[in-house]
C-alpha atoms as a PDB file:
ATOM      1  CA  MET A   1      15.211 -10.964 -24.684  1.00  0.00           C
ATOM      2  CA  SER A   2      17.464 -13.336 -26.661  1.00  0.00           C
ATOM      3  CA  GLU A   3      15.397 -16.410 -26.640  1.00  0.00           C
ATOM      4  CA  LYS A   4      11.527 -16.692 -26.487  1.00  0.00           C
ATOM      5  CA  LEU A   5      10.026 -17.465 -23.028  1.00  0.00           C
ATOM      6  CA  GLN A   6       8.334 -21.039 -23.487  1.00  0.00           C
ATOM      7  CA  LEU A   7       4.860 -21.480 -21.901  1.00  0.00           C
ATOM      8  CA  PRO A   8       3.750 -25.090 -23.633  1.00  0.00           C
ATOM      9  CA  ASN A   9       0.996 -25.176 -21.017  1.00  0.00           C
ATOM     10  CA  VAL A  10      -0.588 -21.856 -21.767  1.00  0.00           C
ATOM     11  CA  THR A  11      -2.856 -20.710 -24.548  1.00  0.00           C
ATOM     12  CA  LEU A  12      -2.862 -17.133 -25.759  1.00  0.00           C
ATOM     13  CA  ALA A  13      -6.760 -16.410 -26.228  1.00  0.00           C
ATOM     14  CA  ALA A  14      -8.900 -13.701 -27.237  1.00  0.00           C
ATOM     15  CA  MET A  15     -12.633 -13.652 -27.820  1.00  0.00           C
ATOM     16  CA  THR A  16     -14.319 -10.896 -29.746  1.00  0.00           C
ATOM     17  CA  SER A  17     -16.485  -9.884 -32.835  1.00  0.00           C
ATOM     18  CA  VAL A  18     -15.119  -6.322 -32.814  1.00  0.00           C
ATOM     19  CA  ASP A  19     -12.146  -4.471 -33.573  1.00  0.00           C
ATOM     20  CA  LEU A  20     -10.705  -8.094 -35.078  1.00  0.00           C
ATOM     21  CA  TYR A  21      -7.685  -6.125 -36.740  1.00  0.00           C
ATOM     22  CA  GLY A  22      -6.790  -4.329 -33.302  1.00  0.00           C
ATOM     23  CA  THR A  23      -7.156  -7.706 -31.469  1.00  0.00           C
ATOM     24  CA  ILE A  24      -4.983  -9.783 -33.957  1.00  0.00           C
ATOM     25  CA  LYS A  25      -2.255  -7.105 -33.520  1.00  0.00           C
ATOM     26  CA  ALA A  26      -2.484  -7.335 -29.731  1.00  0.00           C
ATOM     27  CA  MET A  27      -2.234 -11.149 -30.070  1.00  0.00           C
ATOM     28  CA  GLU A  28       0.878 -10.696 -32.224  1.00  0.00           C
ATOM     29  CA  TYR A  29       2.456  -8.483 -30.122  1.00  0.00           C
ATOM     30  CA  SER A  30       1.881 -10.626 -27.094  1.00  0.00           C
ATOM     31  CA  MET A  31       3.487 -13.569 -29.014  1.00  0.00           C
ATOM     32  CA  ARG A  32       6.778 -11.458 -29.845  1.00  0.00           C
ATOM     33  CA  GLN A  33       8.959 -12.906 -26.959  1.00  0.00           C
ATOM     34  CA  ILE A  34       6.636 -15.940 -25.867  1.00  0.00           C
ATOM     35  CA  GLU A  35       6.280 -19.266 -27.405  1.00  0.00           C
ATOM     36  CA  PHE A  36       2.845 -20.355 -26.079  1.00  0.00           C
ATOM     37  CA  GLY A  37       1.473 -23.884 -26.415  1.00  0.00           C
ATOM     38  CA  ASP A  38      -1.452 -22.736 -28.572  1.00  0.00           C
ATOM     39  CA  VAL A  39      -2.745 -19.337 -29.737  1.00  0.00           C
ATOM     40  CA  VAL A  40      -6.549 -18.825 -30.371  1.00  0.00           C
ATOM     41  CA  LEU A  41      -8.874 -16.252 -31.705  1.00  0.00           C
ATOM     42  CA  VAL A  42     -12.535 -16.964 -30.843  1.00  0.00           C
ATOM     43  CA  THR A  43     -14.866 -15.091 -33.112  1.00  0.00           C
ATOM     44  CA  HIS A  44     -18.072 -15.515 -35.519  1.00  0.00           C
ATOM     45  CA  ARG A  45     -16.184 -15.636 -38.598  1.00  0.00           C
ATOM     46  CA  LYS A  46     -12.507 -16.329 -39.771  1.00  0.00           C
ATOM     47  CA  PRO A  47     -10.830 -13.115 -40.651  1.00  0.00           C
ATOM     48  CA  PHE A  48      -9.088 -12.891 -43.941  1.00  0.00           C
ATOM     49  CA  MET A  49      -6.057 -11.499 -42.513  1.00  0.00           C
ATOM     50  CA  LEU A  50      -5.541 -14.221 -39.754  1.00  0.00           C
ATOM     51  CA  PRO A  51      -2.008 -15.170 -39.482  1.00  0.00           C
ATOM     52  CA  LYS A  52      -1.191 -18.893 -39.754  1.00  0.00           C
ATOM     53  CA  THR A  53       0.299 -18.692 -36.027  1.00  0.00           C
ATOM     54  CA  ILE A  54      -3.309 -18.062 -34.655  1.00  0.00           C
ATOM     55  CA  ARG A  55      -5.854 -20.524 -34.743  1.00  0.00           C
ATOM     56  CA  TYR A  56      -9.413 -19.731 -35.361  1.00  0.00           C
ATOM     57  CA  SER A  57     -12.332 -21.116 -33.424  1.00  0.00           C
ATOM     58  CA  HIS A  58     -15.911 -20.660 -33.945  1.00  0.00           C
ATOM     59  CA  THR A  59     -18.593 -19.012 -31.958  1.00  0.00           C
ATOM     60  CA  SER A  60     -21.745 -17.271 -32.742  1.00  0.00           C
ATOM     61  CA  LYS A  61     -21.635 -13.454 -33.185  1.00  0.00           C
ATOM     62  CA  LEU A  62     -20.925 -11.419 -30.219  1.00  0.00           C
ATOM     63  CA  ASP A  63     -22.883  -8.363 -31.165  1.00  0.00           C
ATOM     64  CA  ASP A  64     -23.521  -6.989 -27.515  1.00  0.00           C
ATOM     65  CA  ILE A  65     -21.532  -6.851 -24.515  1.00  0.00           C
ATOM     66  CA  ASP A  66     -23.804  -9.179 -22.618  1.00  0.00           C
ATOM     67  CA  LYS A  67     -23.330 -11.909 -25.053  1.00  0.00           C
ATOM     68  CA  PHE A  68     -19.627 -11.399 -24.616  1.00  0.00           C
ATOM     69  CA  ASN A  69     -19.720 -11.589 -20.855  1.00  0.00           C
ATOM     70  CA  TYR A  70     -21.855 -14.773 -20.966  1.00  0.00           C
ATOM     71  CA  LYS A  71     -19.827 -16.474 -23.326  1.00  0.00           C
ATOM     72  CA  MET A  72     -16.330 -15.552 -21.327  1.00  0.00           C
ATOM     73  CA  VAL A  73     -18.004 -17.393 -18.383  1.00  0.00           C
ATOM     74  CA  TYR A  74     -19.723 -20.443 -20.137  1.00  0.00           C
ATOM     75  CA  GLU A  75     -18.363 -21.055 -23.398  1.00  0.00           C
ATOM     76  CA  LEU A  76     -14.434 -20.062 -23.444  1.00  0.00           C
ATOM     77  CA  GLY A  77     -13.128 -23.156 -21.888  1.00  0.00           C
ATOM     78  CA  GLU A  78     -14.416 -25.130 -24.783  1.00  0.00           C
ATOM     79  CA  HIS A  79     -11.869 -23.515 -26.889  1.00  0.00           C
ATOM     80  CA  ILE A  80      -8.839 -24.002 -24.528  1.00  0.00           C
ATOM     81  CA  HIS A  81      -7.079 -27.192 -24.633  1.00  0.00           C
ATOM     82  CA  THR A  82      -4.257 -26.415 -22.376  1.00  0.00           C
ATOM     83  CA  ASP A  83      -3.821 -26.249 -18.544  1.00  0.00           C
ATOM     84  CA  TYR A  84      -3.822 -22.200 -18.635  1.00  0.00           C
ATOM     85  CA  MET A  85      -5.221 -19.397 -20.671  1.00  0.00           C
ATOM     86  CA  LEU A  86      -3.729 -15.864 -20.930  1.00  0.00           C
ATOM     87  CA  LEU A  87      -6.632 -13.781 -22.153  1.00  0.00           C
ATOM     88  CA  VAL A  88      -5.982 -10.757 -23.963  1.00  0.00           C
ATOM     89  CA  HIS A  89      -7.991  -7.908 -25.804  1.00  0.00           C
ATOM     90  CA  ALA A  90      -7.287  -5.138 -28.320  1.00  0.00           C
ATOM     91  CA  ASP A  91      -6.510  -2.697 -25.542  1.00  0.00           C
ATOM     92  CA  GLY A  92      -5.136  -4.995 -23.114  1.00  0.00           C
ATOM     93  CA  PHE A  93      -2.218  -7.372 -23.777  1.00  0.00           C
ATOM     94  CA  VAL A  94       1.483  -8.375 -22.968  1.00  0.00           C
ATOM     95  CA  VAL A  95       3.899  -5.366 -22.818  1.00  0.00           C
ATOM     96  CA  HIS A  96       6.687  -6.515 -20.735  1.00  0.00           C
ATOM     97  CA  PRO A  97       7.043 -10.321 -21.322  1.00  0.00           C
ATOM     98  CA  GLU A  98      10.400 -10.139 -19.299  1.00  0.00           C
ATOM     99  CA  SER A  99       8.326  -9.521 -16.151  1.00  0.00           C
ATOM    100  CA  TRP A 100       7.183 -13.063 -16.468  1.00  0.00           C
ATOM    101  CA  ARG A 101       6.961 -15.103 -13.151  1.00  0.00           C
ATOM    102  CA  ASP A 102       6.466 -18.851 -12.940  1.00  0.00           C
ATOM    103  CA  GLU A 103       4.452 -18.219  -9.732  1.00  0.00           C
ATOM    104  CA  PHE A 104       1.633 -16.857 -11.987  1.00  0.00           C
ATOM    105  CA  LEU A 105       0.749 -20.388 -12.702  1.00  0.00           C
ATOM    106  CA  GLU A 106       0.342 -21.344  -9.063  1.00  0.00           C
ATOM    107  CA  TYR A 107      -3.188 -19.914  -9.344  1.00  0.00           C
ATOM    108  CA  ASP A 108      -6.220 -20.614 -11.164  1.00  0.00           C
ATOM    109  CA  TYR A 109      -6.964 -16.806 -11.665  1.00  0.00           C
ATOM    110  CA  ILE A 110      -4.548 -13.941 -11.843  1.00  0.00           C
ATOM    111  CA  GLY A 111      -5.271 -10.280 -13.298  1.00  0.00           C
ATOM    112  CA  SER A 112      -4.605  -6.703 -12.393  1.00  0.00           C
ATOM    113  CA  PRO A 113      -5.255  -5.395  -8.995  1.00  0.00           C
ATOM    114  CA  TRP A 114      -8.429  -3.607  -8.460  1.00  0.00           C
ATOM    115  CA  PRO A 115      -8.326  -0.296  -6.455  1.00  0.00           C
ATOM    116  CA  LEU A 116     -10.247  -0.212  -3.043  1.00  0.00           C
ATOM    117  CA  PRO A 117     -13.822   0.255  -3.945  1.00  0.00           C
ATOM    118  CA  ALA A 118     -15.555   3.545  -3.175  1.00  0.00           C
ATOM    119  CA  ASN A 119     -18.998   2.317  -1.885  1.00  0.00           C
ATOM    120  CA  ASP A 120     -20.187  -0.342   0.021  1.00  0.00           C
ATOM    121  CA  TYR A 121     -21.018  -3.130  -2.446  1.00  0.00           C
ATOM    122  CA  ALA A 122     -18.492  -3.101  -5.276  1.00  0.00           C
ATOM    123  CA  TYR A 123     -15.546  -5.436  -5.299  1.00  0.00           C
ATOM    124  CA  ARG A 124     -16.975  -7.676  -2.830  1.00  0.00           C
ATOM    125  CA  ASP A 125     -17.364 -11.476  -2.484  1.00  0.00           C
ATOM    126  CA  ALA A 126     -20.652 -13.147  -1.116  1.00  0.00           C
ATOM    127  CA  LYS A 127     -19.293 -12.879   2.598  1.00  0.00           C
ATOM    128  CA  GLY A 128     -18.701  -8.921   2.011  1.00  0.00           C
ATOM    129  CA  GLU A 129     -14.981  -9.233   1.901  1.00  0.00           C
ATOM    130  CA  ILE A 130     -13.192  -6.718  -0.608  1.00  0.00           C
ATOM    131  CA  CYS A 131     -11.805  -8.483  -3.428  1.00  0.00           C
ATOM    132  CA  ARG A 132      -8.571  -6.867  -4.770  1.00  0.00           C
ATOM    133  CA  VAL A 133      -7.467  -9.038  -7.686  1.00  0.00           C
ATOM    134  CA  GLY A 134      -9.631  -9.466 -11.062  1.00  0.00           C
ATOM    135  CA  ASN A 135      -9.738  -7.950 -14.494  1.00  0.00           C
ATOM    136  CA  SER A 136     -10.548  -9.455 -17.929  1.00  0.00           C
ATOM    137  CA  VAL A 137      -7.085  -9.486 -18.946  1.00  0.00           C
ATOM    138  CA  SER A 138      -5.896 -12.374 -16.894  1.00  0.00           C
ATOM    139  CA  ILE A 139      -4.480 -15.861 -16.435  1.00  0.00           C
ATOM    140  CA  ARG A 140      -6.994 -18.522 -16.140  1.00  0.00           C
ATOM    141  CA  SER A 141      -6.650 -22.561 -15.340  1.00  0.00           C
ATOM    142  CA  LYS A 142      -8.614 -24.761 -17.563  1.00  0.00           C
ATOM    143  CA  LYS A 143     -10.278 -26.119 -14.457  1.00  0.00           C
ATOM    144  CA  LEU A 144     -11.694 -22.494 -13.566  1.00  0.00           C
ATOM    145  CA  LEU A 145     -12.863 -22.062 -17.262  1.00  0.00           C
ATOM    146  CA  ASP A 146     -14.767 -25.080 -17.203  1.00  0.00           C
ATOM    147  CA  PHE A 147     -16.157 -24.718 -13.659  1.00  0.00           C
ATOM    148  CA  PRO A 148     -19.105 -22.346 -14.075  1.00  0.00           C
ATOM    149  CA  LYS A 149     -20.910 -24.392 -16.728  1.00  0.00           C
ATOM    150  CA  GLN A 150     -20.072 -27.856 -14.814  1.00  0.00           C
ATOM    151  CA  ALA A 151     -21.142 -26.456 -11.501  1.00  0.00           C
ATOM    152  CA  GLY A 152     -24.341 -24.707 -12.757  1.00  0.00           C
ATOM    153  CA  LEU A 153     -23.502 -21.209 -11.761  1.00  0.00           C
ATOM    154  CA  LYS A 154     -26.508 -19.186 -12.263  1.00  0.00           C
ATOM    155  CA  TRP A 155     -25.885 -15.948 -14.476  1.00  0.00           C
ATOM    156  CA  GLU A 156     -26.885 -12.952 -12.601  1.00  0.00           C
ATOM    157  CA  LYS A 157     -26.346  -9.105 -12.961  1.00  0.00           C
ATOM    158  CA  MET A 158     -23.874  -7.700 -10.527  1.00  0.00           C
ATOM    159  CA  GLU A 159     -24.966  -5.001  -8.121  1.00  0.00           C
ATOM    160  CA  ASP A 160     -24.429  -2.360 -10.334  1.00  0.00           C
ATOM    161  CA  GLY A 161     -27.266  -3.747 -12.840  1.00  0.00           C
ATOM    162  CA  ASN A 162     -24.635  -5.146 -15.345  1.00  0.00           C
ATOM    163  CA  TYR A 163     -23.175  -8.568 -16.452  1.00  0.00           C
ATOM    164  CA  ASN A 164     -19.432  -8.417 -15.867  1.00  0.00           C
ATOM    165  CA  GLU A 165     -17.610 -11.646 -16.587  1.00  0.00           C
ATOM    166  CA  ASP A 166     -14.428 -10.687 -14.169  1.00  0.00           C
ATOM    167  CA  THR A 167     -16.544  -9.872 -11.050  1.00  0.00           C
ATOM    168  CA  PHE A 168     -18.765 -12.802 -11.748  1.00  0.00           C
ATOM    169  CA  LEU A 169     -15.837 -15.088 -11.253  1.00  0.00           C
ATOM    170  CA  CYS A 170     -13.743 -13.027  -8.862  1.00  0.00           C
ATOM    171  CA  CYS A 171     -16.254 -11.617  -6.533  1.00  0.00           C
ATOM    172  CA  LYS A 172     -19.887 -12.965  -6.884  1.00  0.00           C
ATOM    173  CA  TYR A 173     -18.586 -16.736  -7.068  1.00  0.00           C
ATOM    174  CA  LYS A 174     -15.290 -16.229  -5.541  1.00  0.00           C
ATOM    175  CA  ASN A 175     -16.122 -18.378  -2.453  1.00  0.00           C
ATOM    176  CA  VAL A 176     -17.801 -21.106  -4.271  1.00  0.00           C
ATOM    177  CA  ILE A 177     -14.807 -21.401  -6.691  1.00  0.00           C
ATOM    178  CA  GLU A 178     -12.486 -21.248  -3.797  1.00  0.00           C
ATOM    179  CA  ALA A 179     -14.415 -24.029  -2.159  1.00  0.00           C
ATOM    180  CA  ALA A 180     -13.915 -26.188  -5.148  1.00  0.00           C
ATOM    181  CA  GLY A 181     -10.370 -26.351  -4.584  1.00  0.00           C
ATOM    182  CA  MET A 182      -9.216 -23.237  -6.776  1.00  0.00           C
ATOM    183  CA  LYS A 183      -7.165 -20.168  -5.908  1.00  0.00           C
ATOM    184  CA  PHE A 184      -7.194 -16.648  -6.707  1.00  0.00           C
ATOM    185  CA  ALA A 185      -3.887 -14.747  -6.628  1.00  0.00           C
ATOM    186  CA  PRO A 186      -3.313 -12.413  -3.771  1.00  0.00           C
ATOM    187  CA  ILE A 187      -2.762  -8.709  -4.647  1.00  0.00           C
ATOM    188  CA  GLU A 188       0.993  -9.165  -3.540  1.00  0.00           C
ATOM    189  CA  VAL A 189       1.643 -11.479  -6.607  1.00  0.00           C
ATOM    190  CA  ALA A 190      -0.901  -9.806  -9.009  1.00  0.00           C
ATOM    191  CA  ARG A 191       0.659  -6.373  -8.797  1.00  0.00           C
ATOM    192  CA  TYR A 192       3.525  -7.942 -10.979  1.00  0.00           C
ATOM    193  CA  PHE A 193       1.301  -9.452 -13.404  1.00  0.00           C
ATOM    194  CA  GLY A 194      -0.315  -6.232 -14.675  1.00  0.00           C
ATOM    195  CA  HIS A 195      -1.476  -2.732 -14.095  1.00  0.00           C
ATOM    196  CA  GLU A 196      -4.705  -0.997 -14.790  1.00  0.00           C
ATOM    197  CA  HIS A 197      -5.472   1.387 -11.878  1.00  0.00           C
ATOM    198  CA  MET A 198      -2.941   3.756 -10.510  1.00  0.00           C
ATOM    199  CA  ILE A 199      -2.878   2.437  -6.779  1.00  0.00           C
ATOM    200  CA  PRO A 200      -0.280   2.308  -4.022  1.00  0.00           C
ATOM    201  CA  GLU A 201       0.552  -1.380  -4.216  1.00  0.00           C
ATOM    202  CA  ILE A 202       1.982  -1.135  -7.571  1.00  0.00           C
ATOM    203  CA  MET A 203       4.190   2.129  -6.830  1.00  0.00           C
ATOM    204  CA  ASP A 204       7.526   0.364  -6.531  1.00  0.00           C
ATOM    205  CA  VAL A 205       7.022  -2.322  -9.414  1.00  0.00           C
ATOM    206  CA  GLU A 206       9.420  -1.854 -12.371  1.00  0.00           C
ATOM    207  CA  ASN A 207       8.091  -1.942 -16.025  1.00  0.00           C
ATOM    208  CA  PRO A 208       4.411  -0.750 -15.045  1.00  0.00           C
ATOM    209  CA  GLN A 209       2.113  -1.372 -18.293  1.00  0.00           C
ATOM    210  CA  TYR A 210       1.135   2.267 -18.642  1.00  0.00           C
ATOM    211  CA  SER A 211       0.929   4.819 -21.441  1.00  0.00           C
ATOM    212  CA  ASP A 212       3.487   7.467 -21.364  1.00  0.00           C
ATOM    213  CA  GLU A 213       0.648   9.797 -19.748  1.00  0.00           C
ATOM    214  CA  ARG A 214       0.201   7.439 -16.930  1.00  0.00           C
ATOM    215  CA  GLN A 215       3.859   6.912 -16.161  1.00  0.00           C
ATOM    216  CA  ARG A 216       3.898  10.868 -15.814  1.00  0.00           C
ATOM    217  CA  MET A 217       0.998  10.558 -13.313  1.00  0.00           C
ATOM    218  CA  TYR A 218       2.723   7.885 -11.426  1.00  0.00           C
ATOM    219  CA  LYS A 219       6.052   9.934 -11.325  1.00  0.00           C
ATOM    220  CA  LEU A 220       4.328  13.095 -10.170  1.00  0.00           C
ATOM    221  CA  ALA A 221       2.014  11.170  -7.425  1.00  0.00           C
ATOM    222  CA  GLU A 222       5.553   9.889  -6.225  1.00  0.00           C
ATOM    223  CA  GLU A 223       6.885  13.158  -5.957  1.00  0.00           C
ATOM    224  CA  TYR A 224       3.712  14.293  -4.050  1.00  0.00           C
ATOM    225  CA  PHE A 225       3.489  11.602  -1.743  1.00  0.00           C
ATOM    226  CA  THR A 226       7.228  12.317  -0.718  1.00  0.00           C
ATOM    227  CA  ALA A 227       6.596  15.799  -0.201  1.00  0.00           C
ATOM    228  CA  LEU A 228       3.306  14.862   1.884  1.00  0.00           C
ATOM    229  CA  GLU A 229       5.250  12.446   3.981  1.00  0.00           C
ATOM    230  CA  GLN A 230       7.913  15.139   4.908  1.00  0.00           C
ATOM    231  CA  ALA A 231       5.299  17.724   5.627  1.00  0.00           C
ATOM    232  CA  ASN A 232       5.428  18.613   9.462  1.00  0.00           C
ATOM    233  CA  ASP A 233       3.956  22.129   9.964  1.00  0.00           C
ATOM    234  CA  LYS A 234       1.365  24.250   8.410  1.00  0.00           C
ATOM    235  CA  GLU A 235       3.681  26.123   6.084  1.00  0.00           C
ATOM    236  CA  SER A 236       4.774  22.931   4.692  1.00  0.00           C
ATOM    237  CA  LEU A 237       1.538  21.448   4.322  1.00  0.00           C
ATOM    238  CA  GLU A 238       0.447  24.811   2.195  1.00  0.00           C
ATOM    239  CA  THR A 239       3.155  23.854  -0.199  1.00  0.00           C
ATOM    240  CA  VAL A 240       1.774  20.510  -0.501  1.00  0.00           C
ATOM    241  CA  LYS A 241      -1.686  21.872  -1.011  1.00  0.00           C
ATOM    242  CA  LYS A 242      -0.434  23.787  -4.035  1.00  0.00           C
ATOM    243  CA  GLU A 243       1.097  20.871  -5.458  1.00  0.00           C
ATOM    244  CA  LEU A 244      -2.028  19.141  -5.101  1.00  0.00           C
ATOM    245  CA  GLU A 245      -3.794  22.104  -7.018  1.00  0.00           C
ATOM    246  CA  ARG A 246      -1.278  21.782  -9.721  1.00  0.00           C
ATOM    247  CA  LEU A 247      -1.860  18.020 -10.207  1.00  0.00           C
ATOM    248  CA  THR A 248      -5.776  18.459 -10.234  1.00  0.00           C
ATOM    249  CA  ALA A 249      -5.464  20.916 -12.832  1.00  0.00           C
ATOM    250  CA  ARG A 250      -3.136  18.687 -15.105  1.00  0.00           C
ATOM    251  CA  PHE A 251      -5.012  15.564 -14.549  1.00  0.00           C
ATOM    252  CA  GLY A 252      -8.575  16.939 -13.862  1.00  0.00           C
ATOM    253  CA  ASP A 253      -9.840  14.341 -16.381  1.00  0.00           C
ATOM    254  CA  ASN A 254      -9.049  11.477 -13.915  1.00  0.00           C
ATOM    255  CA  PRO A 255     -11.355  12.041 -10.814  1.00  0.00           C
ATOM    256  CA  ALA A 256     -10.145   8.561  -9.140  1.00  0.00           C
ATOM    257  CA  TYR A 257      -6.454   9.918  -9.350  1.00  0.00           C
ATOM    258  CA  TYR A 258      -7.574  13.374  -7.825  1.00  0.00           C
ATOM    259  CA  ALA A 259      -9.754  11.713  -5.123  1.00  0.00           C
ATOM    260  CA  PHE A 260      -6.812   9.343  -3.909  1.00  0.00           C
ATOM    261  CA  LEU A 261      -4.197  12.289  -3.882  1.00  0.00           C
ATOM    262  CA  ASN A 262      -6.702  14.382  -2.024  1.00  0.00           C
ATOM    263  CA  GLN A 263      -7.749  11.634   0.582  1.00  0.00           C
ATOM    264  CA  LYS A 264      -3.995  11.401   1.544  1.00  0.00           C
ATOM    265  CA  TYR A 265      -3.420  15.273   1.767  1.00  0.00           C
ATOM    266  CA  ILE A 266      -6.831  15.548   4.052  1.00  0.00           C
ATOM    267  CA  LYS A 267      -5.321  12.716   6.526  1.00  0.00           C
ATOM    268  CA  LYS A 268      -1.994  14.520   6.538  1.00  0.00           C
ATOM    269  CA  ALA A 269      -4.027  17.742   7.344  1.00  0.00           C
ATOM    270  CA  SER A 270      -5.890  16.222  10.097  1.00  0.00           C
ATOM    271  CA  GLU A 271      -2.544  14.761  11.645  1.00  0.00           C
ATOM    272  CA  ILE A 272      -0.845  18.247  11.640  1.00  0.00           C
ATOM    273  CA  GLY A 273      -4.200  20.306  12.613  1.00  0.00           C
ATOM    274  CA  GLY A 274      -5.374  23.068  10.975  1.00  0.00           C
ATOM    275  CA  ILE A 275      -5.594  23.128   7.466  1.00  0.00           C
ATOM    276  CA  LYS A 276      -8.569  21.669   5.395  1.00  0.00           C
ATOM    277  CA  CYS A 277      -8.643  20.870   1.840  1.00  0.00           C
ATOM    278  CA  GLY A 278     -10.194  23.798  -0.063  1.00  0.00           C
ATOM    279  CA  GLN A 279      -9.431  26.268   2.888  1.00  0.00           C
END
C-alpha cells in the first residue's frame, strides 16, 4: 500500500500483563499501513521499551485469565476515546491491512467466524440460536464496550465452566445487546475480517490470515473437496478415502480438521451407498 489507511475513529488496543514485548510488536506490525486515531496498551506498568506511538493506560495487574476476561468486559471501554476499537493480542493482529472494508464499522462487534459447535450448548445465545461470529481479536464500538457496566450485566461463567469475554458478549448476552440497538456482524461479512478456524465459509476468501502450515491445510482440503464432489461410484470414492487417510496422517494433530473432512466423506459415501469410513 502506497498510502496508509486512515482510521481516525478507531483505536488500536491491547490489554495484557504478559508477553508485553510480543504484544507491542504485534501492535507495531498492525500499525505499519494503518493510521489509527489512537493506539493504547492497557497494562499494569509502563514498559520501558514502549514506543512513543503507543499510549500507556494503567490497570491493575492481570495475573490470571479470569481477571483478564472480567476487565475486558467491564473496564476496557474506560481506556477507549474513539467510536471504535480494534483489539489485538501478541498472537492475533493485523496481517492484511489491504483487506480492510469500511462496512466493518457498520457493526458494534465483528470478529473471526466460529465453526459450527460440536455439542448442544457451545456458541449459542440465550434463545438457543447458534452464534457464528465472535473471537477476542475484533472491532468493537465504544457503545458496546461501555454497555456491560452501564447495564449491570451479571458476570457469570459460560456453560463450559470458564469465563470467556468474547462468548459472554457474543453469545450469553447477545440478545440483550441487540435489544439495546447494537448489531453483531453476520458471518457473510465477518469472513472478510479475520480467520481463526478453517471452515467452509472462508474457503474462497483471498489473503486468509493463516500460517504457512494452515495455508497448506487449506489448499489440500480444497483439492480433497473437489475430488469428493466429483466422486460418483464406489471406485472413485475409494480413491477419495485414500486421500482422506493421507491428510489424516499429515495433520493428525488437528482433530477438528480431520473430523470435518471425515464428516463430508461419510455423507458422500451414504449418498453413493456402500462404503463406510474405516471399511
